C-alpha cells in the first residue's frame, strides 16, 4: 500500500519555558498550544497544508479542542466522535465562531510604562 507521507524537512521547535522576555523579567508564554488549551471544548476549523503531497496538499479539519501539546493538537468531530491527532508543524491557522479565552499576563505599572515608551 502506497501511503502518502508529510514533509521530509525538520521544523524548528521552540523549547518549553521560553517566550518573550519583558524588561521587568516577566516572560510571556502565549504559544499556540497554550491558547488552544485555554479554549478546550470549543469547536474550531483547523487549516493545514502538507508540502510535497500532491494528493492531500491542503486539508481542513473541524472539531472540538480536546488538548494540545508542543507539537500536536487533538480534536474530535462532534457529530461522529472521530478523533484527530494533528501536527502543529502543518497548521496554518484556526478559526473559531466564538470569543477565545486568552492567557492573561499580569502587567506591572513599570512594565506598562516600558511598553508605552518608544525609542
Protein backbone atom coordinates (compact mmCIF):
# COMPACT_ATOMS: atom_id res chain seq x y z
CA UNK A 1 0.00 0.00 0.00
CA UNK A 2 1.44 3.37 -1.02
CA UNK A 3 0.62 5.71 1.88
CA UNK A 4 1.35 9.42 1.34
CA UNK A 5 3.66 10.98 3.85
CA UNK A 6 4.14 14.51 5.12
CA UNK A 7 7.08 16.81 4.53
CA UNK A 8 10.59 15.45 4.85
CA UNK A 9 12.11 18.57 6.37
CA UNK A 10 12.53 19.31 10.05
CA UNK A 11 10.68 22.17 11.68
CA UNK A 12 12.40 24.13 14.43
CA UNK A 13 10.55 23.81 17.74
CA UNK A 14 10.80 26.43 20.47
CA UNK A 15 11.63 24.75 23.79
CA UNK A 16 9.12 24.82 26.61
CA UNK A 17 9.57 27.61 29.10
CA UNK A 18 10.73 30.14 26.55
CA UNK A 19 8.85 33.20 25.41
CA UNK A 20 9.05 36.94 25.05
CA UNK A 21 11.18 38.47 27.79
CA UNK A 22 9.95 41.83 29.10
CA UNK A 23 12.23 44.41 30.80
CA UNK A 24 10.91 43.52 34.26
CA UNK A 25 11.93 39.88 33.94
CA UNK A 26 8.40 38.58 33.27
CA UNK A 27 8.21 36.04 30.46
CA UNK A 28 5.15 35.87 28.21
CA UNK A 29 4.25 32.31 27.16
CA UNK A 30 1.33 32.68 24.74
CA UNK A 31 2.21 29.81 22.42
CA UNK A 32 -0.43 28.31 20.16
CA UNK A 33 -0.73 25.19 22.32
CA UNK A 34 -1.39 27.29 25.43
CA UNK A 35 -4.06 29.32 23.65
CA UNK A 36 -5.70 26.10 22.42
CA UNK A 37 -5.60 24.62 25.95
CA UNK A 38 -7.38 27.74 27.26
CA UNK A 39 -10.09 27.02 24.68
CA UNK A 40 -10.54 23.31 25.40
CA UNK A 41 -14.05 22.20 24.45
CA UNK A 42 -14.59 24.88 21.79
CA UNK A 43 -15.23 23.92 18.19
CA UNK A 44 -12.82 25.28 15.60
CA UNK A 45 -11.85 24.91 11.97
CA UNK A 46 -8.20 23.94 11.54
CA UNK A 47 -6.45 24.71 8.24
CA UNK A 48 -3.46 22.56 7.29
CA UNK A 49 -1.08 22.30 4.34
CA UNK A 50 1.19 19.37 3.61
CA UNK A 51 4.10 20.35 1.36
CA UNK A 52 5.32 17.70 -1.03
CA UNK A 53 1.99 15.88 -1.02
CA UNK A 54 0.17 16.25 -4.34
CA UNK A 55 -2.86 14.21 -3.26
CA UNK A 56 -3.61 15.90 0.09
CA UNK A 57 -1.81 19.24 -0.15
CA UNK A 58 -4.41 21.18 1.86
CA UNK A 59 -6.83 19.80 4.43
CA UNK A 60 -9.49 21.37 6.63
CA UNK A 61 -10.50 19.72 9.91
CA UNK A 62 -13.42 20.81 12.06
CA UNK A 63 -13.65 19.66 15.62
CA UNK A 64 -13.73 20.24 19.35
CA UNK A 65 -10.39 21.01 21.01
CA UNK A 66 -9.59 18.16 23.39
CA UNK A 67 -5.99 19.05 24.18
CA UNK A 68 -2.82 20.45 22.66
CA UNK A 69 0.86 19.83 23.18
CA UNK A 70 4.01 21.50 21.96
CA UNK A 71 3.90 19.67 18.63
CA UNK A 72 0.31 18.39 18.29
CA UNK A 73 -3.41 19.06 18.67
CA UNK A 74 -6.12 16.51 19.43
CA UNK A 75 -9.61 17.39 18.20
CA UNK A 76 -12.81 15.37 17.95
CA UNK A 77 -15.63 15.58 15.44
CA UNK A 78 -18.74 16.50 17.47
CA UNK A 79 -21.03 14.55 15.11
CA UNK A 80 -19.12 11.29 14.63
CA UNK A 81 -16.86 11.30 17.69
CA UNK A 82 -13.88 10.58 15.41
CA UNK A 83 -10.64 11.92 16.89
CA UNK A 84 -7.76 13.53 15.01
CA UNK A 85 -4.16 13.82 16.16
CA UNK A 86 -2.76 16.73 14.13
CA UNK A 87 0.79 18.06 13.98
CA UNK A 88 1.45 21.73 14.75
CA UNK A 89 4.14 21.79 12.03
CA UNK A 90 1.47 21.68 9.31
CA UNK A 91 -1.02 24.09 10.95
CA UNK A 92 -1.66 27.34 9.07
CA UNK A 93 -4.45 28.88 11.15
CA UNK A 94 -7.52 28.13 13.26
CA UNK A 95 -10.94 29.81 13.16
CA UNK A 96 -13.45 29.81 16.00
CA UNK A 97 -17.05 31.05 15.80
CA UNK A 98 -16.98 32.32 19.37
CA UNK A 99 -14.83 34.53 21.55
CA UNK A 100 -11.50 32.98 22.54
CA UNK A 101 -10.05 32.68 26.01
CA UNK A 102 -6.52 34.06 26.10
CA UNK A 103 -3.90 33.53 28.80
CA UNK A 104 -3.66 36.85 30.63
CA UNK A 105 -0.38 38.09 31.96
CA UNK A 106 -0.19 40.47 34.90
CA UNK A 107 1.41 43.73 33.78
CA UNK A 108 3.01 45.90 36.41
CA UNK A 109 2.94 49.71 36.03
CA UNK A 110 6.70 49.68 35.31
CA UNK A 111 6.22 47.10 32.55
CA UNK A 112 3.34 49.08 31.03
CA UNK A 113 5.49 52.24 31.07
CA UNK A 114 8.29 50.42 29.23
CA UNK A 115 5.81 49.19 26.61
CA UNK A 116 4.38 52.69 26.14
CA UNK A 117 7.81 54.29 25.67
CA UNK A 118 9.17 54.26 22.14
CA UNK A 119 12.81 54.73 21.26
